[in-house]
Amino acid sequence: MKSSKSIVIVGSALAVVAMVGCDRGASLKNDQEKASYAVGLQIGRSLKAQNAEVSVNSLVAGLNDGLGGKDAKLKPEELQAAMQKMQENMMKKAQEAAEKNLKDGDEWLAKNKAKAGVKSTESGLQYEVVKEGTGPQPTDNDTVKVHYTGTLTNGEKFDSSRDRNEPAEFPVRGVIPGWTEALKLMKAGSQYKLAIPAKLAYGPQGRPGIPPNSVLLFDVELLEVKAAPAAPAGKPAKK
């Protein structure tokens, strides 16, 4: 597996290829051009999410030298030092963003908790009952089928089974802690609005489309509960 530094170098180069190709009026007519653009777009967005600051002109120069088999314009120790500095800057920005998001998230949750109809659990999970169902209530060992929409506190949507027109199905214990806790509060047929603190979601790591230490909001409909298969006679059920 390539080191993170190598990934940044390769990713940056590919992102530049996409940007430069677009600036020059890339046709995007054949499969190779379309695939190249797709890869470049994805990597470019990834670099942006990582707060990587790059110089397009310098990246193009490095790409040309690499593809042309030319000697590097910097000594190996200079290349290594530059990459290390870039990584340090990215980590610093990520840490600052995570700290700000955590502070902003705590403030948002404090205000939301005071709203009428919002309930809060001991863990910090907040939920609002839109509709209470009458079906079975899932346990840790069950599988559920749900429809959901997930947004950040600024309203930005990051995922939605409704947009895909296909319910999601997964084990109760196969999701983030906030989801697992919420699902066990619901009965089949219920619809809840959830506010999940970062510590019950993805924490400081974040995910693509989800900044570190983000509070996650979900509108969840529990459509079906599929009970875990009964244990064979003489064997205890898994816990």
C-alpha atoms as a PDB file:
ATOM      1  CA  MET A   1       0.000   0.000   0.000  1.00  0.00           C
ATOM      2  CA  LYS A   2       1.273   3.479  -0.868  1.00  0.00           C
ATOM      3  CA  SER A   3       2.164   5.909   1.907  1.00  0.00           C
ATOM      4  CA  SER A   4      -0.145   8.858   2.536  1.00  0.00           C
ATOM      5  CA  LYS A   5       2.508  11.192   1.163  1.00  0.00           C
ATOM      6  CA  SER A   6       2.657   9.273  -2.104  1.00  0.00           C
ATOM      7  CA  ILE A   7      -1.121   9.316  -2.325  1.00  0.00           C
ATOM      8  CA  VAL A   8      -1.173  13.086  -1.964  1.00  0.00           C
ATOM      9  CA  ILE A   9       1.416  13.486  -4.726  1.00  0.00           C
ATOM     10  CA  VAL A  10      -0.367  11.173  -7.142  1.00  0.00           C
ATOM     11  CA  GLY A  11      -3.778  12.555  -6.216  1.00  0.00           C
ATOM     12  CA  SER A  12      -2.654  16.127  -6.735  1.00  0.00           C
ATOM     13  CA  ALA A  13      -1.191  15.310 -10.117  1.00  0.00           C
ATOM     14  CA  LEU A  14      -4.367  13.633 -11.269  1.00  0.00           C
ATOM     15  CA  ALA A  15      -6.465  16.499  -9.979  1.00  0.00           C
ATOM     16  CA  VAL A  16      -4.349  18.936 -11.961  1.00  0.00           C
ATOM     17  CA  VAL A  17      -4.710  16.839 -15.101  1.00  0.00           C
ATOM     18  CA  ALA A  18      -8.475  17.125 -14.700  1.00  0.00           C
ATOM     19  CA  MET A  19      -8.363  20.893 -14.130  1.00  0.00           C
ATOM     20  CA  VAL A  20      -5.900  21.631 -16.904  1.00  0.00           C
ATOM     21  CA  GLY A  21      -7.702  19.344 -19.330  1.00  0.00           C
ATOM     22  CA  CYS A  22     -10.979  21.097 -18.571  1.00  0.00           C
ATOM     23  CA  ASP A  23      -9.436  24.542 -18.966  1.00  0.00           C
ATOM     24  CA  ARG A  24      -8.168  23.560 -22.397  1.00  0.00           C
ATOM     25  CA  GLY A  25     -11.578  22.367 -23.478  1.00  0.00           C
ATOM     26  CA  ALA A  26     -11.315  18.625 -22.922  1.00  0.00           C
ATOM     27  CA  SER A  27     -13.857  16.937 -25.166  1.00  0.00           C
ATOM     28  CA  LEU A  28     -14.802  14.140 -22.741  1.00  0.00           C
ATOM     29  CA  LYS A  29     -16.110  12.160 -25.697  1.00  0.00           C
ATOM     30  CA  ASN A  30     -14.552   8.732 -25.283  1.00  0.00           C
ATOM     31  CA  ASP A  31     -14.459   6.358 -22.313  1.00  0.00           C
ATOM     32  CA  GLN A  32     -10.839   7.106 -21.485  1.00  0.00           C
ATOM     33  CA  GLU A  33     -11.435  10.858 -21.319  1.00  0.00           C
ATOM     34  CA  LYS A  34     -14.582  10.453 -19.235  1.00  0.00           C
ATOM     35  CA  ALA A  35     -12.932   8.021 -16.813  1.00  0.00           C
ATOM     36  CA  SER A  36      -9.884  10.259 -16.484  1.00  0.00           C
ATOM     37  CA  TYR A  37     -12.108  13.219 -15.692  1.00  0.00           C
ATOM     38  CA  ALA A  38     -14.100  11.210 -13.138  1.00  0.00           C
ATOM     39  CA  VAL A  39     -10.935  10.106 -11.341  1.00  0.00           C
ATOM     40  CA  GLY A  40      -9.532  13.613 -11.361  1.00  0.00           C
ATOM     41  CA  LEU A  41     -12.791  15.074 -10.075  1.00  0.00           C
ATOM     42  CA  GLN A  42     -12.987  12.624  -7.188  1.00  0.00           C
ATOM     43  CA  ILE A  43      -9.387  13.153  -6.165  1.00  0.00           C
ATOM     44  CA  GLY A  44      -9.686  16.911  -6.521  1.00  0.00           C
ATOM     45  CA  ARG A  45     -12.683  16.924  -4.190  1.00  0.00           C
ATOM     46  CA  SER A  46     -10.797  14.697  -1.772  1.00  0.00           C
ATOM     47  CA  LEU A  47      -7.835  17.072  -1.711  1.00  0.00           C
ATOM     48  CA  LYS A  48     -10.169  19.983  -1.097  1.00  0.00           C
ATOM     49  CA  ALA A  49     -11.791  18.130   1.796  1.00  0.00           C
ATOM     50  CA  GLN A  50      -8.315  17.545   3.260  1.00  0.00           C
ATOM     51  CA  ASN A  51      -7.520  21.263   3.068  1.00  0.00           C
ATOM     52  CA  ALA A  52      -4.536  20.572   0.822  1.00  0.00           C
ATOM     53  CA  GLU A  53      -3.077  23.794  -0.554  1.00  0.00           C
ATOM     54  CA  VAL A  54      -1.391  23.249  -3.917  1.00  0.00           C
ATOM     55  CA  SER A  55       0.154  25.353  -6.659  1.00  0.00           C
ATOM     56  CA  VAL A  56      -1.318  24.294  -9.984  1.00  0.00           C
ATOM     57  CA  ASN A  57       1.669  25.523 -12.011  1.00  0.00           C
ATOM     58  CA  SER A  58       4.164  23.661  -9.820  1.00  0.00           C
ATOM     59  CA  LEU A  59       2.043  20.517  -9.946  1.00  0.00           C
ATOM     60  CA  VAL A  60       1.923  20.641 -13.731  1.00  0.00           C
ATOM     61  CA  ALA A  61       5.705  21.094 -13.850  1.00  0.00           C
ATOM     62  CA  GLY A  62       6.219  18.082 -11.583  1.00  0.00           C
ATOM     63  CA  LEU A  63       3.765  16.002 -13.595  1.00  0.00           C
ATOM     64  CA  ASN A  64       5.506  16.848 -16.852  1.00  0.00           C
ATOM     65  CA  ASP A  65       8.939  16.021 -15.410  1.00  0.00           C
ATOM     66  CA  GLY A  66       7.670  12.725 -14.020  1.00  0.00           C
ATOM     67  CA  LEU A  67       5.948  11.638 -17.223  1.00  0.00           C
ATOM     68  CA  GLY A  68       8.900  12.826 -19.288  1.00  0.00           C
ATOM     69  CA  GLY A  69      11.424  10.885 -17.236  1.00  0.00           C
ATOM     70  CA  LYS A  70      13.303  14.074 -16.356  1.00  0.00           C
ATOM     71  CA  ASP A  71      15.398  14.633 -13.249  1.00  0.00           C
ATOM     72  CA  ALA A  72      13.598  16.231 -10.321  1.00  0.00           C
ATOM     73  CA  LYS A  73      14.202  19.938  -9.821  1.00  0.00           C
ATOM     74  CA  LEU A  74      14.510  19.351  -6.064  1.00  0.00           C
ATOM     75  CA  LYS A  75      16.821  17.094  -4.101  1.00  0.00           C
ATOM     76  CA  PRO A  76      15.251  14.016  -2.431  1.00  0.00           C
ATOM     77  CA  GLU A  77      15.583  15.597   1.014  1.00  0.00           C
ATOM     78  CA  GLU A  78      13.885  18.756  -0.253  1.00  0.00           C
ATOM     79  CA  LEU A  79      11.019  16.755  -1.680  1.00  0.00           C
ATOM     80  CA  GLN A  80      10.599  14.879   1.573  1.00  0.00           C
ATOM     81  CA  ALA A  81      10.715  18.051   3.668  1.00  0.00           C
ATOM     82  CA  ALA A  82       8.156  19.768   1.440  1.00  0.00           C
ATOM     83  CA  MET A  83       5.770  16.840   1.639  1.00  0.00           C
ATOM     84  CA  GLN A  84       6.170  16.634   5.403  1.00  0.00           C
ATOM     85  CA  LYS A  85       5.377  20.327   5.722  1.00  0.00           C
ATOM     86  CA  MET A  86       2.295  19.912   3.555  1.00  0.00           C
ATOM     87  CA  GLN A  87       1.094  17.026   5.718  1.00  0.00           C
ATOM     88  CA  GLU A  88       1.654  19.063   8.869  1.00  0.00           C
ATOM     89  CA  ASN A  89      -0.348  21.981   7.477  1.00  0.00           C
ATOM     90  CA  MET A  90      -3.192  19.670   6.464  1.00  0.00           C
ATOM     91  CA  MET A  91      -3.259  18.067   9.907  1.00  0.00           C
ATOM     92  CA  LYS A  92      -3.228  21.467  11.602  1.00  0.00           C
ATOM     93  CA  LYS A  93      -6.158  22.701   9.522  1.00  0.00           C
ATOM     94  CA  ALA A  94      -8.062  19.478  10.125  1.00  0.00           C
ATOM     95  CA  GLN A  95      -7.527  19.790  13.874  1.00  0.00           C
ATOM     96  CA  GLU A  96      -8.674  23.413  13.884  1.00  0.00           C
ATOM     97  CA  ALA A  97     -11.766  22.516  11.864  1.00  0.00           C
ATOM     98  CA  ALA A  98     -12.571  19.590  14.164  1.00  0.00           C
ATOM     99  CA  GLU A  99     -12.317  21.789  17.262  1.00  0.00           C
ATOM    100  CA  LYS A 100     -14.541  24.469  15.731  1.00  0.00           C
ATOM    101  CA  ASN A 101     -17.106  21.918  14.569  1.00  0.00           C
ATOM    102  CA  LEU A 102     -17.218  20.358  18.039  1.00  0.00           C
ATOM    103  CA  LYS A 103     -17.827  23.738  19.682  1.00  0.00           C
ATOM    104  CA  ASP A 104     -20.450  24.741  17.111  1.00  0.00           C
ATOM    105  CA  GLY A 105     -22.114  21.335  17.409  1.00  0.00           C
ATOM    106  CA  ASP A 106     -22.361  21.535  21.202  1.00  0.00           C
ATOM    107  CA  GLU A 107     -23.966  24.974  20.915  1.00  0.00           C
ATOM    108  CA  TRP A 108     -26.429  23.718  18.294  1.00  0.00           C
ATOM    109  CA  LEU A 109     -27.390  20.714  20.427  1.00  0.00           C
ATOM    110  CA  ALA A 110     -27.939  22.895  23.502  1.00  0.00           C
ATOM    111  CA  LYS A 111     -30.393  25.071  21.568  1.00  0.00           C
ATOM    112  CA  ASN A 112     -32.119  22.124  19.928  1.00  0.00           C
ATOM    113  CA  LYS A 113     -32.557  20.364  23.279  1.00  0.00           C
ATOM    114  CA  ALA A 114     -34.670  23.249  24.521  1.00  0.00           C
ATOM    115  CA  LYS A 115     -37.171  22.986  21.658  1.00  0.00           C
ATOM    116  CA  ALA A 116     -40.653  21.635  22.310  1.00  0.00           C
ATOM    117  CA  GLY A 117     -41.003  17.943  21.510  1.00  0.00           C
ATOM    118  CA  VAL A 118     -37.270  17.185  21.538  1.00  0.00           C
ATOM    119  CA  LYS A 119     -36.229  14.403  23.921  1.00  0.00           C
ATOM    120  CA  SER A 120     -32.695  13.644  25.040  1.00  0.00           C
ATOM    121  CA  THR A 121     -31.136  10.400  26.281  1.00  0.00           C
ATOM    122  CA  GLU A 122     -28.347   9.960  28.810  1.00  0.00           C
ATOM    123  CA  SER A 123     -25.808   9.485  26.004  1.00  0.00           C
ATOM    124  CA  GLY A 124     -26.686  12.844  24.447  1.00  0.00           C
ATOM    125  CA  LEU A 125     -28.801  11.516  21.574  1.00  0.00           C
ATOM    126  CA  GLN A 126     -31.697  13.843  20.773  1.00  0.00           C
ATOM    127  CA  TYR A 127     -34.869  12.749  19.010  1.00  0.00           C
ATOM    128  CA  GLU A 128     -38.329  13.955  18.117  1.00  0.00           C
ATOM    129  CA  VAL A 129     -41.239  11.608  17.480  1.00  0.00           C
ATOM    130  CA  VAL A 130     -42.972  12.489  14.222  1.00  0.00           C
ATOM    131  CA  LYS A 131     -45.079   9.345  14.186  1.00  0.00           C
ATOM    132  CA  GLU A 132     -45.203   6.495  16.687  1.00  0.00           C
ATOM    133  CA  GLY A 133     -45.535   3.043  15.181  1.00  0.00           C
ATOM    134  CA  THR A 134     -47.241  -0.017  16.608  1.00  0.00           C
ATOM    135  CA  GLY A 135     -44.992  -2.772  15.284  1.00  0.00           C
ATOM    136  CA  PRO A 136     -42.155  -4.684  16.955  1.00  0.00           C
ATOM    137  CA  GLN A 137     -39.227  -2.890  18.552  1.00  0.00           C
ATOM    138  CA  PRO A 138     -35.779  -3.999  17.316  1.00  0.00           C
ATOM    139  CA  THR A 139     -33.072  -5.464  19.520  1.00  0.00           C
ATOM    140  CA  ASP A 140     -29.308  -5.604  19.057  1.00  0.00           C
ATOM    141  CA  ASN A 141     -29.482  -8.858  17.092  1.00  0.00           C
ATOM    142  CA  ASP A 142     -32.212  -7.821  14.647  1.00  0.00           C
ATOM    143  CA  THR A 143     -32.019  -6.403  11.138  1.00  0.00           C
ATOM    144  CA  VAL A 144     -34.059  -3.383  10.112  1.00  0.00           C
ATOM    145  CA  LYS A 145     -35.341  -1.846   6.907  1.00  0.00           C
ATOM    146  CA  VAL A 146     -35.527   1.934   6.934  1.00  0.00           C
ATOM    147  CA  HIS A 147     -35.931   5.040   4.842  1.00  0.00           C
ATOM    148  CA  TYR A 148     -33.842   7.998   5.910  1.00  0.00           C
ATOM    149  CA  THR A 149     -32.411  11.365   4.955  1.00  0.00           C
ATOM    150  CA  GLY A 150     -29.216  12.620   6.546  1.00  0.00           C
ATOM    151  CA  THR A 151     -28.176  16.269   6.716  1.00  0.00           C
ATOM    152  CA  LEU A 152     -25.666  18.467   8.508  1.00  0.00           C
ATOM    153  CA  THR A 153     -26.838  21.238  10.827  1.00  0.00           C
ATOM    154  CA  ASN A 154     -26.421  23.731   7.961  1.00  0.00           C
ATOM    155  CA  GLY A 155     -29.005  21.804   5.947  1.00  0.00           C
ATOM    156  CA  GLU A 156     -26.526  20.184   3.564  1.00  0.00           C
ATOM    157  CA  LYS A 157     -27.675  16.684   2.613  1.00  0.00           C
ATOM    158  CA  PHE A 158     -25.011  13.955   2.668  1.00  0.00           C
ATOM    159  CA  ASP A 159     -27.078  10.795   2.208  1.00  0.00           C
ATOM    160  CA  SER A 160     -30.653   9.694   1.526  1.00  0.00           C
ATOM    161  CA  SER A 161     -32.253   6.330   0.843  1.00  0.00           C
ATOM    162  CA  ARG A 162     -35.333   8.239  -0.312  1.00  0.00           C
ATOM    163  CA  ASP A 163     -33.365   9.849  -3.114  1.00  0.00           C
ATOM    164  CA  ARG A 164     -32.327   6.364  -4.229  1.00  0.00           C
ATOM    165  CA  ASN A 165     -35.943   5.153  -4.021  1.00  0.00           C
ATOM    166  CA  GLU A 166     -34.716   2.089  -2.163  1.00  0.00           C
ATOM    167  CA  PRO A 167     -34.960   1.440   1.588  1.00  0.00           C
ATOM    168  CA  ALA A 168     -31.735   0.603   3.402  1.00  0.00           C
ATOM    169  CA  GLU A 169     -31.393  -2.683   5.278  1.00  0.00           C
ATOM    170  CA  PHE A 170     -28.739  -3.384   7.899  1.00  0.00           C
ATOM    171  CA  PRO A 171     -28.122  -4.982  11.328  1.00  0.00           C
ATOM    172  CA  VAL A 172     -29.036  -2.815  14.293  1.00  0.00           C
ATOM    173  CA  ARG A 173     -25.467  -3.111  15.588  1.00  0.00           C
ATOM    174  CA  GLY A 174     -23.959  -2.461  12.158  1.00  0.00           C
ATOM    175  CA  VAL A 175     -24.303   1.327  12.223  1.00  0.00           C
ATOM    176  CA  ILE A 176     -23.008   4.292  14.235  1.00  0.00           C
ATOM    177  CA  PRO A 177     -23.851   4.222  17.982  1.00  0.00           C
ATOM    178  CA  GLY A 178     -26.409   7.018  17.678  1.00  0.00           C
ATOM    179  CA  TRP A 179     -28.357   5.033  15.094  1.00  0.00           C
ATOM    180  CA  THR A 180     -28.216   1.816  17.128  1.00  0.00           C
ATOM    181  CA  GLU A 181     -29.559   3.580  20.204  1.00  0.00           C
ATOM    182  CA  ALA A 182     -32.299   5.369  18.274  1.00  0.00           C
ATOM    183  CA  LEU A 183     -33.487   2.271  16.433  1.00  0.00           C
ATOM    184  CA  LYS A 184     -34.016   0.423  19.725  1.00  0.00           C
ATOM    185  CA  LEU A 185     -36.293   3.257  20.882  1.00  0.00           C
ATOM    186  CA  MET A 186     -38.515   2.950  17.808  1.00  0.00           C
ATOM    187  CA  LYS A 187     -41.289   0.570  16.838  1.00  0.00           C
ATOM    188  CA  ALA A 188     -41.900  -0.530  13.260  1.00  0.00           C
ATOM    189  CA  GLY A 189     -44.000   2.116  11.554  1.00  0.00           C
ATOM    190  CA  SER A 190     -42.371   4.959  13.503  1.00  0.00           C
ATOM    191  CA  GLN A 191     -40.800   8.092  12.092  1.00  0.00           C
ATOM    192  CA  TYR A 192     -38.262   9.954  14.234  1.00  0.00           C
ATOM    193  CA  LYS A 193     -36.078  12.986  13.708  1.00  0.00           C
ATOM    194  CA  LEU A 194     -32.630  12.439  15.215  1.00  0.00           C
ATOM    195  CA  ALA A 195     -29.845  14.794  16.237  1.00  0.00           C
ATOM    196  CA  ILE A 196     -26.735  12.694  16.785  1.00  0.00           C
ATOM    197  CA  PRO A 197     -23.717  14.221  18.559  1.00  0.00           C
ATOM    198  CA  ALA A 198     -20.320  13.707  16.956  1.00  0.00           C
ATOM    199  CA  LYS A 199     -19.254  11.291  19.704  1.00  0.00           C
ATOM    200  CA  LEU A 200     -22.135   8.984  18.694  1.00  0.00           C
ATOM    201  CA  ALA A 201     -21.407   9.401  14.969  1.00  0.00           C
ATOM    202  CA  TYR A 202     -18.014   9.641  13.228  1.00  0.00           C
ATOM    203  CA  GLY A 203     -16.199  11.849  15.738  1.00  0.00           C
ATOM    204  CA  PRO A 204     -13.014  13.676  14.714  1.00  0.00           C
ATOM    205  CA  GLN A 205     -12.397  11.352  11.756  1.00  0.00           C
ATOM    206  CA  GLY A 206     -15.426  12.389   9.756  1.00  0.00           C
ATOM    207  CA  ARG A 207     -16.337  10.800   6.431  1.00  0.00           C
ATOM    208  CA  PRO A 208     -16.550  11.946   2.792  1.00  0.00           C
ATOM    209  CA  GLY A 209     -19.193  14.665   2.836  1.00  0.00           C
ATOM    210  CA  ILE A 210     -19.172  14.720   6.648  1.00  0.00           C
ATOM    211  CA  PRO A 211     -16.652  17.100   8.258  1.00  0.00           C
ATOM    212  CA  PRO A 212     -14.917  15.981  11.473  1.00  0.00           C
ATOM    213  CA  ASN A 213     -16.916  16.309  14.711  1.00  0.00           C
ATOM    214  CA  SER A 214     -20.172  16.977  12.865  1.00  0.00           C
ATOM    215  CA  VAL A 215     -23.586  16.714  14.477  1.00  0.00           C
ATOM    216  CA  LEU A 216     -25.690  14.550  12.156  1.00  0.00           C
ATOM    217  CA  LEU A 217     -29.420  15.021  11.599  1.00  0.00           C
ATOM    218  CA  PHE A 218     -31.570  12.189  10.334  1.00  0.00           C
ATOM    219  CA  ASP A 219     -35.229  11.811   9.411  1.00  0.00           C
ATOM    220  CA  VAL A 220     -35.772   8.073   9.891  1.00  0.00           C
ATOM    221  CA  GLU A 221     -38.737   5.830   9.101  1.00  0.00           C
ATOM    222  CA  LEU A 222     -38.533   2.321  10.559  1.00  0.00           C
ATOM    223  CA  LEU A 223     -40.316   0.264   7.920  1.00  0.00           C
ATOM    224  CA  GLU A 224     -39.660  -3.283   9.077  1.00  0.00           C
ATOM    225  CA  VAL A 225     -37.918  -5.278  11.800  1.00  0.00           C
ATOM    226  CA  LYS A 226     -36.480  -8.656  10.861  1.00  0.00           C
ATOM    227  CA  ALA A 227     -35.871 -10.712  13.969  1.00  0.00           C
ATOM    228  CA  ALA A 228     -32.617 -12.607  14.321  1.00  0.00           C
ATOM    229  CA  PRO A 229     -32.877 -16.318  13.420  1.00  0.00           C
ATOM    230  CA  ALA A 230     -33.633 -18.498  16.405  1.00  0.00           C
ATOM    231  CA  ALA A 231     -30.616 -20.361  17.805  1.00  0.00           C
ATOM    232  CA  PRO A 232     -30.529 -24.135  17.149  1.00  0.00           C
ATOM    233  CA  ALA A 233     -31.775 -26.270  20.022  1.00  0.00           C
ATOM    234  CA  GLY A 234     -29.154 -26.712  22.685  1.00  0.00           C
ATOM    235  CA  LYS A 235     -27.139 -23.667  21.588  1.00  0.00           C
ATOM    236  CA  PRO A 236     -27.451 -20.260  23.244  1.00  0.00           C
ATOM    237  CA  ALA A 237     -28.277 -17.254  21.068  1.00  0.00           C
ATOM    238  CA  LYS A 238     -25.396 -14.902  20.280  1.00  0.00           C
ATOM    239  CA  LYS A 239     -25.216 -11.750  22.349  1.00  0.00           C
END
